[in-house]
Amino acid sequence: MRLSRTIVLILAGCLAVAGCKKKEEPPPPPEISTAPAPTTPETTTPAGVTVSSVDLGKAVGADHKVSEPATTFGPKDTIYAAVSTTGTAASSSIHAKWTFGDNAKLVKEDTVTIQPTGNDVTDVSISNPKGWPAGKYKVEITVDSGTPVTKDFEVQK
C-alpha cells in the first residue's frame, strides 16, 4: 500500500508540474501593411547611341545644325546631312551611305567617329565639282550598326 501511495504521489506531482508549466502562445500573425511593397530598382542597360533625326540642307552652322534646310538641290550644291544623336559612348561611328536613282547606285560612303555625350549633332556632306545629275537621291544614316534612318532628296537642273 505504501508503494501505491508513493506512485500516486509521484503521478500527482508530475501532473502538477505539467499543469503549472507556462503555455507557449503561438506567434502573432504577420502584420498586414497597406503601404506598397518595396521595389528593387530596375537595372537597364543603356541602349547606346541612336539617331534621333536627320536634317538635309544647303548649309550648316558652327553648331553642325542645318542653317539652310532643303530637300531639292542644284547640280553644284553641297548637300549636308545634320545627324542628331542621343546617348553617351566612349566612341561611336556614324555611317552615311549616299545613293542615286531607283537602282540605288552608290555615290559615296562615309564613316565619322564621334564621342557622344548626350544630345549631339554631327554633319556629313557630299559635293560634286562636275555637278550632280538630275534625279532622286537618298542618304541612309546608321550609328554603330543600329536602325538606319533614310532621307530622300532631289537634284534638279
N, C-alpha and C. Protein backbone atom coordinates (compact mmCIF):
# COMPACT_ATOMS: atom_id res chain seq x y z
N MET A 1 0.81 -1.16 0.00
CA MET A 1 0.00 0.00 0.00
C MET A 1 0.87 1.25 0.00
N ARG A 2 1.92 1.10 0.71
CA ARG A 2 2.83 2.21 0.75
C ARG A 2 3.38 2.51 -0.65
N LEU A 3 3.64 1.49 -1.41
CA LEU A 3 4.14 1.64 -2.75
C LEU A 3 3.09 2.30 -3.63
N SER A 4 1.84 1.95 -3.46
CA SER A 4 0.78 2.55 -4.26
C SER A 4 0.65 4.03 -3.94
N ARG A 5 0.77 4.35 -2.65
CA ARG A 5 0.69 5.77 -2.29
C ARG A 5 1.85 6.54 -2.91
N THR A 6 3.00 5.99 -2.91
CA THR A 6 4.17 6.67 -3.47
C THR A 6 3.97 6.88 -4.97
N ILE A 7 3.47 5.90 -5.62
CA ILE A 7 3.24 6.01 -7.07
C ILE A 7 2.18 7.08 -7.35
N VAL A 8 1.14 7.08 -6.54
CA VAL A 8 0.08 8.07 -6.72
C VAL A 8 0.65 9.46 -6.48
N LEU A 9 1.45 9.62 -5.43
CA LEU A 9 2.04 10.93 -5.15
C LEU A 9 2.98 11.38 -6.28
N ILE A 10 3.74 10.47 -6.81
CA ILE A 10 4.66 10.82 -7.91
C ILE A 10 3.85 11.24 -9.13
N LEU A 11 2.82 10.49 -9.44
CA LEU A 11 1.97 10.83 -10.59
C LEU A 11 1.29 12.18 -10.38
N ALA A 12 0.81 12.43 -9.17
CA ALA A 12 0.15 13.69 -8.87
C ALA A 12 1.15 14.83 -8.98
N GLY A 13 2.39 14.60 -8.56
CA GLY A 13 3.43 15.64 -8.68
C GLY A 13 3.76 15.93 -10.12
N CYS A 14 3.83 14.89 -10.94
CA CYS A 14 4.12 15.09 -12.38
C CYS A 14 3.00 15.88 -13.03
N LEU A 15 1.77 15.53 -12.67
CA LEU A 15 0.63 16.26 -13.24
C LEU A 15 0.62 17.70 -12.78
N ALA A 16 0.98 17.93 -11.55
CA ALA A 16 1.01 19.29 -11.02
C ALA A 16 2.08 20.11 -11.75
N VAL A 17 3.25 19.50 -11.94
CA VAL A 17 4.33 20.20 -12.64
C VAL A 17 3.93 20.46 -14.08
N ALA A 18 3.33 19.48 -14.73
CA ALA A 18 2.90 19.66 -16.12
C ALA A 18 1.81 20.71 -16.20
N GLY A 19 0.94 20.77 -15.24
CA GLY A 19 -0.13 21.76 -15.24
C GLY A 19 0.37 23.15 -14.97
N CYS A 20 1.46 23.28 -14.23
CA CYS A 20 2.00 24.59 -13.89
C CYS A 20 2.88 25.15 -14.99
N LYS A 21 3.25 24.31 -15.92
CA LYS A 21 4.14 24.77 -16.98
C LYS A 21 3.43 25.85 -17.79
N LYS A 22 4.16 26.93 -18.05
CA LYS A 22 3.58 28.04 -18.79
C LYS A 22 3.35 27.61 -20.22
N LYS A 23 2.15 27.88 -20.70
CA LYS A 23 1.83 27.52 -22.08
C LYS A 23 2.49 28.52 -23.04
N GLU A 24 3.05 28.00 -24.11
CA GLU A 24 3.63 28.87 -25.12
C GLU A 24 2.51 29.35 -26.02
N GLU A 25 2.51 30.65 -26.24
CA GLU A 25 1.49 31.20 -27.11
C GLU A 25 2.00 31.13 -28.54
N PRO A 26 1.09 30.93 -29.48
CA PRO A 26 1.53 30.90 -30.88
C PRO A 26 2.02 32.29 -31.30
N PRO A 27 2.93 32.35 -32.24
CA PRO A 27 3.43 33.65 -32.67
C PRO A 27 2.30 34.48 -33.28
N PRO A 28 2.36 35.79 -33.14
CA PRO A 28 1.30 36.62 -33.71
C PRO A 28 1.31 36.52 -35.23
N PRO A 29 0.16 36.70 -35.85
CA PRO A 29 0.12 36.64 -37.32
C PRO A 29 0.93 37.82 -37.89
N PRO A 30 1.44 37.66 -39.08
CA PRO A 30 2.21 38.75 -39.67
C PRO A 30 1.31 39.97 -39.87
N GLU A 31 1.91 41.13 -39.67
CA GLU A 31 1.15 42.36 -39.83
C GLU A 31 0.87 42.58 -41.30
N ILE A 32 -0.32 43.05 -41.58
CA ILE A 32 -0.69 43.37 -42.95
C ILE A 32 -0.50 44.87 -43.12
N SER A 33 0.35 45.22 -44.05
CA SER A 33 0.67 46.62 -44.28
C SER A 33 -0.11 47.12 -45.48
N THR A 34 -0.55 48.34 -45.41
CA THR A 34 -1.24 48.94 -46.55
C THR A 34 -0.25 49.71 -47.42
N ALA A 35 0.98 49.83 -46.97
CA ALA A 35 2.00 50.52 -47.77
C ALA A 35 2.43 49.59 -48.90
N PRO A 36 2.77 50.16 -50.05
CA PRO A 36 3.21 49.32 -51.16
C PRO A 36 4.50 48.59 -50.81
N ALA A 37 4.62 47.42 -51.35
CA ALA A 37 5.82 46.62 -51.10
C ALA A 37 7.03 47.34 -51.69
N PRO A 38 8.15 47.25 -51.01
CA PRO A 38 9.34 47.90 -51.58
C PRO A 38 9.71 47.25 -52.89
N THR A 39 10.14 48.06 -53.82
CA THR A 39 10.54 47.54 -55.12
C THR A 39 12.02 47.72 -55.29
N THR A 40 12.58 46.81 -56.03
CA THR A 40 14.00 46.94 -56.33
C THR A 40 14.11 47.75 -57.62
N PRO A 41 15.05 48.66 -57.68
CA PRO A 41 15.16 49.47 -58.89
C PRO A 41 15.51 48.59 -60.08
N GLU A 42 14.93 48.95 -61.23
CA GLU A 42 15.21 48.19 -62.44
C GLU A 42 16.61 48.53 -62.91
N THR A 43 17.28 47.51 -63.35
CA THR A 43 18.59 47.76 -63.92
C THR A 43 18.44 47.67 -65.42
N THR A 44 18.76 48.72 -66.10
CA THR A 44 18.66 48.72 -67.54
C THR A 44 20.02 48.97 -68.12
N THR A 45 20.25 48.33 -69.23
CA THR A 45 21.50 48.60 -69.92
C THR A 45 21.25 49.72 -70.91
N PRO A 46 22.19 50.62 -71.06
CA PRO A 46 21.96 51.71 -71.97
C PRO A 46 21.76 51.21 -73.39
N ALA A 47 20.87 51.89 -74.08
CA ALA A 47 20.58 51.50 -75.45
C ALA A 47 21.70 51.89 -76.38
N GLY A 48 22.67 52.61 -75.90
CA GLY A 48 23.75 53.07 -76.75
C GLY A 48 23.37 54.37 -77.41
N VAL A 49 24.04 54.65 -78.49
CA VAL A 49 23.82 55.89 -79.22
C VAL A 49 22.86 55.60 -80.36
N THR A 50 21.83 56.44 -80.49
CA THR A 50 20.85 56.27 -81.55
C THR A 50 20.66 57.57 -82.32
N VAL A 51 20.19 57.45 -83.55
CA VAL A 51 19.88 58.61 -84.38
C VAL A 51 18.51 59.11 -83.98
N SER A 52 18.40 60.39 -83.61
CA SER A 52 17.09 60.94 -83.28
C SER A 52 16.49 61.68 -84.47
N SER A 53 17.32 62.24 -85.36
CA SER A 53 16.80 62.86 -86.58
C SER A 53 17.93 63.11 -87.56
N VAL A 54 17.54 63.27 -88.82
CA VAL A 54 18.47 63.64 -89.88
C VAL A 54 17.81 64.78 -90.65
N ASP A 55 18.52 65.91 -90.75
CA ASP A 55 18.01 67.07 -91.48
C ASP A 55 18.94 67.36 -92.65
N LEU A 56 18.33 67.63 -93.82
CA LEU A 56 19.11 67.94 -95.02
C LEU A 56 19.09 69.44 -95.28
N GLY A 57 20.15 69.91 -95.91
CA GLY A 57 20.20 71.32 -96.25
C GLY A 57 21.39 71.68 -97.11
N LYS A 58 21.43 72.99 -97.48
CA LYS A 58 22.49 73.51 -98.33
C LYS A 58 23.62 74.13 -97.53
N ALA A 59 23.43 74.29 -96.21
CA ALA A 59 24.48 74.87 -95.37
C ALA A 59 24.25 74.43 -93.93
N VAL A 60 25.35 74.42 -93.15
CA VAL A 60 25.27 74.13 -91.71
C VAL A 60 26.00 75.23 -90.96
N GLY A 61 25.59 75.44 -89.72
CA GLY A 61 26.23 76.44 -88.86
C GLY A 61 27.36 75.83 -88.06
N ALA A 62 27.95 76.65 -87.20
CA ALA A 62 29.05 76.21 -86.34
C ALA A 62 28.60 75.11 -85.39
N ASP A 63 27.29 75.05 -85.11
CA ASP A 63 26.74 74.01 -84.23
C ASP A 63 26.45 72.71 -84.97
N HIS A 64 26.80 72.64 -86.26
CA HIS A 64 26.61 71.47 -87.12
C HIS A 64 25.15 71.25 -87.52
N LYS A 65 24.27 72.15 -87.12
CA LYS A 65 22.85 72.04 -87.49
C LYS A 65 22.64 72.72 -88.84
N VAL A 66 21.64 72.21 -89.58
CA VAL A 66 21.32 72.78 -90.88
C VAL A 66 20.84 74.22 -90.70
N SER A 67 21.49 75.15 -91.42
CA SER A 67 21.08 76.55 -91.34
C SER A 67 20.26 76.96 -92.56
N GLU A 68 20.31 76.15 -93.61
CA GLU A 68 19.53 76.41 -94.82
C GLU A 68 18.88 75.09 -95.25
N PRO A 69 17.71 74.74 -94.65
CA PRO A 69 17.08 73.46 -94.95
C PRO A 69 16.67 73.35 -96.43
N ALA A 70 16.76 72.13 -96.94
CA ALA A 70 16.34 71.88 -98.32
C ALA A 70 16.18 70.38 -98.54
N THR A 71 15.33 70.04 -99.48
CA THR A 71 15.23 68.66 -99.96
C THR A 71 15.39 68.63 -101.48
N THR A 72 15.49 69.81 -102.09
CA THR A 72 15.74 69.94 -103.52
C THR A 72 17.01 70.77 -103.68
N PHE A 73 17.93 70.26 -104.51
CA PHE A 73 19.24 70.88 -104.64
C PHE A 73 19.56 71.13 -106.10
N GLY A 74 20.50 72.05 -106.34
CA GLY A 74 21.01 72.30 -107.69
C GLY A 74 22.20 71.41 -107.96
N PRO A 75 22.60 71.29 -109.23
CA PRO A 75 23.69 70.39 -109.60
C PRO A 75 25.03 70.71 -108.92
N LYS A 76 25.29 71.96 -108.58
CA LYS A 76 26.57 72.35 -107.99
C LYS A 76 26.52 72.51 -106.48
N ASP A 77 25.36 72.23 -105.87
CA ASP A 77 25.21 72.40 -104.41
C ASP A 77 25.97 71.33 -103.64
N THR A 78 26.49 71.73 -102.48
CA THR A 78 26.98 70.76 -101.50
C THR A 78 25.75 70.37 -100.68
N ILE A 79 25.58 69.08 -100.46
CA ILE A 79 24.41 68.57 -99.75
C ILE A 79 24.86 68.11 -98.37
N TYR A 80 24.25 68.71 -97.35
CA TYR A 80 24.61 68.42 -95.96
C TYR A 80 23.51 67.60 -95.29
N ALA A 81 23.92 66.69 -94.45
CA ALA A 81 23.01 65.95 -93.57
C ALA A 81 23.48 66.18 -92.14
N ALA A 82 22.61 66.81 -91.34
CA ALA A 82 22.91 67.02 -89.93
C ALA A 82 22.29 65.87 -89.16
N VAL A 83 23.13 65.07 -88.52
CA VAL A 83 22.69 63.86 -87.82
C VAL A 83 22.63 64.16 -86.33
N SER A 84 21.42 64.17 -85.79
CA SER A 84 21.24 64.37 -84.34
C SER A 84 21.22 63.01 -83.67
N THR A 85 22.04 62.86 -82.64
CA THR A 85 22.12 61.59 -81.91
C THR A 85 21.83 61.81 -80.43
N THR A 86 21.37 60.74 -79.79
CA THR A 86 21.18 60.75 -78.34
C THR A 86 21.95 59.56 -77.77
N GLY A 87 22.47 59.74 -76.58
CA GLY A 87 23.20 58.67 -75.91
C GLY A 87 24.64 59.07 -75.65
N THR A 88 25.28 58.26 -74.86
CA THR A 88 26.66 58.52 -74.47
C THR A 88 27.49 57.28 -74.74
N ALA A 89 28.67 57.49 -75.27
CA ALA A 89 29.59 56.37 -75.52
C ALA A 89 31.00 56.92 -75.61
N ALA A 90 31.96 56.09 -75.30
CA ALA A 90 33.35 56.50 -75.43
C ALA A 90 33.68 56.74 -76.90
N SER A 91 33.06 55.95 -77.77
CA SER A 91 33.27 56.10 -79.20
C SER A 91 32.12 55.45 -79.95
N SER A 92 31.62 56.13 -80.97
CA SER A 92 30.57 55.60 -81.85
C SER A 92 30.91 55.99 -83.27
N SER A 93 30.32 55.28 -84.22
CA SER A 93 30.55 55.58 -85.63
C SER A 93 29.25 55.90 -86.33
N ILE A 94 29.25 57.03 -87.02
CA ILE A 94 28.12 57.39 -87.88
C ILE A 94 28.51 57.00 -89.29
N HIS A 95 27.65 56.20 -89.93
CA HIS A 95 27.91 55.75 -91.30
C HIS A 95 26.86 56.38 -92.20
N ALA A 96 27.32 57.06 -93.25
CA ALA A 96 26.42 57.69 -94.22
C ALA A 96 26.61 57.01 -95.57
N LYS A 97 25.51 56.57 -96.15
CA LYS A 97 25.54 55.93 -97.46
C LYS A 97 24.65 56.75 -98.39
N TRP A 98 25.25 57.39 -99.38
CA TRP A 98 24.55 58.24 -100.33
C TRP A 98 24.33 57.46 -101.61
N THR A 99 23.08 57.39 -102.09
CA THR A 99 22.77 56.63 -103.31
C THR A 99 21.96 57.49 -104.29
N PHE A 100 21.97 57.07 -105.56
CA PHE A 100 21.29 57.79 -106.64
C PHE A 100 20.37 56.85 -107.40
N GLY A 101 19.17 57.34 -107.71
CA GLY A 101 18.25 56.63 -108.59
C GLY A 101 17.53 55.47 -107.95
N ASP A 102 16.63 54.90 -108.76
CA ASP A 102 15.81 53.78 -108.29
C ASP A 102 16.65 52.53 -108.03
N ASN A 103 17.76 52.39 -108.74
CA ASN A 103 18.60 51.20 -108.52
C ASN A 103 19.62 51.42 -107.40
N ALA A 104 19.51 52.55 -106.70
CA ALA A 104 20.36 52.85 -105.53
C ALA A 104 21.84 52.72 -105.85
N LYS A 105 22.25 53.37 -106.95
CA LYS A 105 23.67 53.39 -107.32
C LYS A 105 24.44 54.15 -106.25
N LEU A 106 25.48 53.52 -105.72
CA LEU A 106 26.28 54.12 -104.66
C LEU A 106 27.02 55.35 -105.18
N VAL A 107 26.84 56.48 -104.48
CA VAL A 107 27.53 57.73 -104.80
C VAL A 107 28.74 57.89 -103.89
N LYS A 108 28.51 57.68 -102.59
CA LYS A 108 29.59 57.87 -101.62
C LYS A 108 29.21 57.20 -100.31
N GLU A 109 30.21 56.68 -99.59
CA GLU A 109 30.03 56.18 -98.23
C GLU A 109 31.05 56.87 -97.34
N ASP A 110 30.59 57.26 -96.16
CA ASP A 110 31.44 57.95 -95.18
C ASP A 110 31.22 57.34 -93.82
N THR A 111 32.27 57.30 -93.01
CA THR A 111 32.14 56.92 -91.61
C THR A 111 32.86 57.98 -90.78
N VAL A 112 32.14 58.51 -89.80
CA VAL A 112 32.69 59.53 -88.92
C VAL A 112 32.67 58.98 -87.50
N THR A 113 33.81 59.05 -86.81
CA THR A 113 33.88 58.60 -85.42
C THR A 113 33.57 59.77 -84.51
N ILE A 114 32.66 59.54 -83.53
CA ILE A 114 32.27 60.58 -82.59
C ILE A 114 32.44 60.08 -81.16
N GLN A 115 32.47 60.99 -80.22
CA GLN A 115 32.49 60.68 -78.79
C GLN A 115 31.27 61.38 -78.18
N PRO A 116 30.08 60.81 -78.36
CA PRO A 116 28.85 61.49 -77.95
C PRO A 116 28.70 61.58 -76.42
N THR A 117 28.13 62.70 -75.99
CA THR A 117 27.94 62.94 -74.55
C THR A 117 26.51 63.37 -74.26
N GLY A 118 25.56 62.75 -74.91
CA GLY A 118 24.15 63.09 -74.69
C GLY A 118 23.48 63.40 -76.01
N ASN A 119 23.00 64.62 -76.16
CA ASN A 119 22.38 65.05 -77.41
C ASN A 119 23.42 65.81 -78.22
N ASP A 120 23.83 65.21 -79.34
CA ASP A 120 24.87 65.80 -80.18
C ASP A 120 24.40 65.89 -81.63
N VAL A 121 25.04 66.77 -82.40
CA VAL A 121 24.78 66.89 -83.83
C VAL A 121 26.10 66.80 -84.56
N THR A 122 26.14 65.97 -85.60
CA THR A 122 27.31 65.81 -86.44
C THR A 122 26.86 65.98 -87.89
N ASP A 123 27.65 66.68 -88.70
CA ASP A 123 27.24 66.82 -90.09
C ASP A 123 28.16 66.03 -91.01
N VAL A 124 27.55 65.52 -92.07
CA VAL A 124 28.26 64.85 -93.15
C VAL A 124 27.78 65.51 -94.44
N SER A 125 28.58 65.44 -95.48
CA SER A 125 28.19 66.12 -96.72
C SER A 125 28.77 65.42 -97.94
N ILE A 126 28.18 65.78 -99.08
CA ILE A 126 28.72 65.35 -100.36
C ILE A 126 28.70 66.55 -101.31
N SER A 127 29.65 66.56 -102.22
CA SER A 127 29.69 67.59 -103.25
C SER A 127 30.25 66.96 -104.52
N ASN A 128 29.97 67.60 -105.63
CA ASN A 128 30.45 67.10 -106.91
C ASN A 128 30.82 68.32 -107.77
N PRO A 129 32.13 68.63 -107.87
CA PRO A 129 32.54 69.81 -108.64
C PRO A 129 32.07 69.77 -110.10
N LYS A 130 31.86 68.58 -110.64
CA LYS A 130 31.38 68.44 -112.03
C LYS A 130 29.87 68.64 -112.12
N GLY A 131 29.21 68.59 -110.99
CA GLY A 131 27.76 68.76 -110.96
C GLY A 131 27.03 67.43 -110.82
N TRP A 132 25.97 67.46 -110.04
CA TRP A 132 25.16 66.27 -109.82
C TRP A 132 24.20 66.05 -110.98
N PRO A 133 24.03 64.81 -111.42
CA PRO A 133 22.98 64.54 -112.40
C PRO A 133 21.61 64.76 -111.76
N ALA A 134 20.67 65.26 -112.53
CA ALA A 134 19.31 65.46 -112.01
C ALA A 134 18.71 64.09 -111.68
N GLY A 135 17.91 64.06 -110.63
CA GLY A 135 17.24 62.82 -110.26
C GLY A 135 17.02 62.72 -108.76
N LYS A 136 16.56 61.54 -108.37
CA LYS A 136 16.25 61.28 -106.96
C LYS A 136 17.43 60.60 -106.29
N TYR A 137 17.71 61.06 -105.07
CA TYR A 137 18.81 60.56 -104.26
C TYR A 137 18.30 60.16 -102.89
N LYS A 138 19.17 59.48 -102.16
CA LYS A 138 18.82 59.07 -100.79
C LYS A 138 20.10 59.02 -99.97
N VAL A 139 19.97 59.39 -98.69
CA VAL A 139 21.07 59.18 -97.75
C VAL A 139 20.54 58.28 -96.65
N GLU A 140 21.34 57.28 -96.29
CA GLU A 140 20.99 56.34 -95.23
C GLU A 140 22.03 56.50 -94.12
N ILE A 141 21.55 56.83 -92.92
CA ILE A 141 22.44 57.07 -91.78
C ILE A 141 22.24 55.96 -90.75
N THR A 142 23.35 55.37 -90.28
CA THR A 142 23.30 54.42 -89.18
C THR A 142 24.36 54.80 -88.16
N VAL A 143 24.09 54.48 -86.91
CA VAL A 143 25.07 54.66 -85.85
C VAL A 143 25.33 53.31 -85.22
N ASP A 144 26.60 52.88 -85.27
CA ASP A 144 27.01 51.62 -84.64
C ASP A 144 26.11 50.44 -85.03
N SER A 145 25.83 50.27 -86.27
CA SER A 145 25.02 49.14 -86.76
C SER A 145 23.58 49.18 -86.25
N GLY A 146 23.12 50.34 -85.86
CA GLY A 146 21.74 50.49 -85.38
C GLY A 146 20.76 50.54 -86.53
N THR A 147 19.53 50.93 -86.23
CA THR A 147 18.48 51.03 -87.22
C THR A 147 18.78 52.20 -88.16
N PRO A 148 18.76 51.96 -89.47
CA PRO A 148 19.06 53.05 -90.41
C PRO A 148 17.93 54.07 -90.47
N VAL A 149 18.31 55.33 -90.67
CA VAL A 149 17.36 56.42 -90.90
C VAL A 149 17.67 56.94 -92.30
N THR A 150 16.64 57.00 -93.16
CA THR A 150 16.87 57.44 -94.53
C THR A 150 16.14 58.75 -94.80
N LYS A 151 16.74 59.54 -95.68
CA LYS A 151 16.15 60.80 -96.14
C LYS A 151 16.29 60.84 -97.66
N ASP A 152 15.17 61.15 -98.31
CA ASP A 152 15.16 61.29 -99.75
C ASP A 152 15.35 62.76 -100.11
N PHE A 153 16.03 63.01 -101.23
CA PHE A 153 16.16 64.36 -101.75
C PHE A 153 16.29 64.30 -103.26
N GLU A 154 16.25 65.46 -103.88
CA GLU A 154 16.26 65.50 -105.33
C GLU A 154 17.21 66.59 -105.82
N VAL A 155 17.85 66.32 -106.96
CA VAL A 155 18.67 67.32 -107.64
C VAL A 155 17.92 67.68 -108.91
N GLN A 156 17.72 69.00 -109.10
CA GLN A 156 17.03 69.50 -110.30
C GLN A 156 17.97 70.41 -111.04
N LYS A 157 17.84 70.42 -112.36
CA LYS A 157 18.64 71.32 -113.23
C LYS A 157 18.14 72.72 -113.13
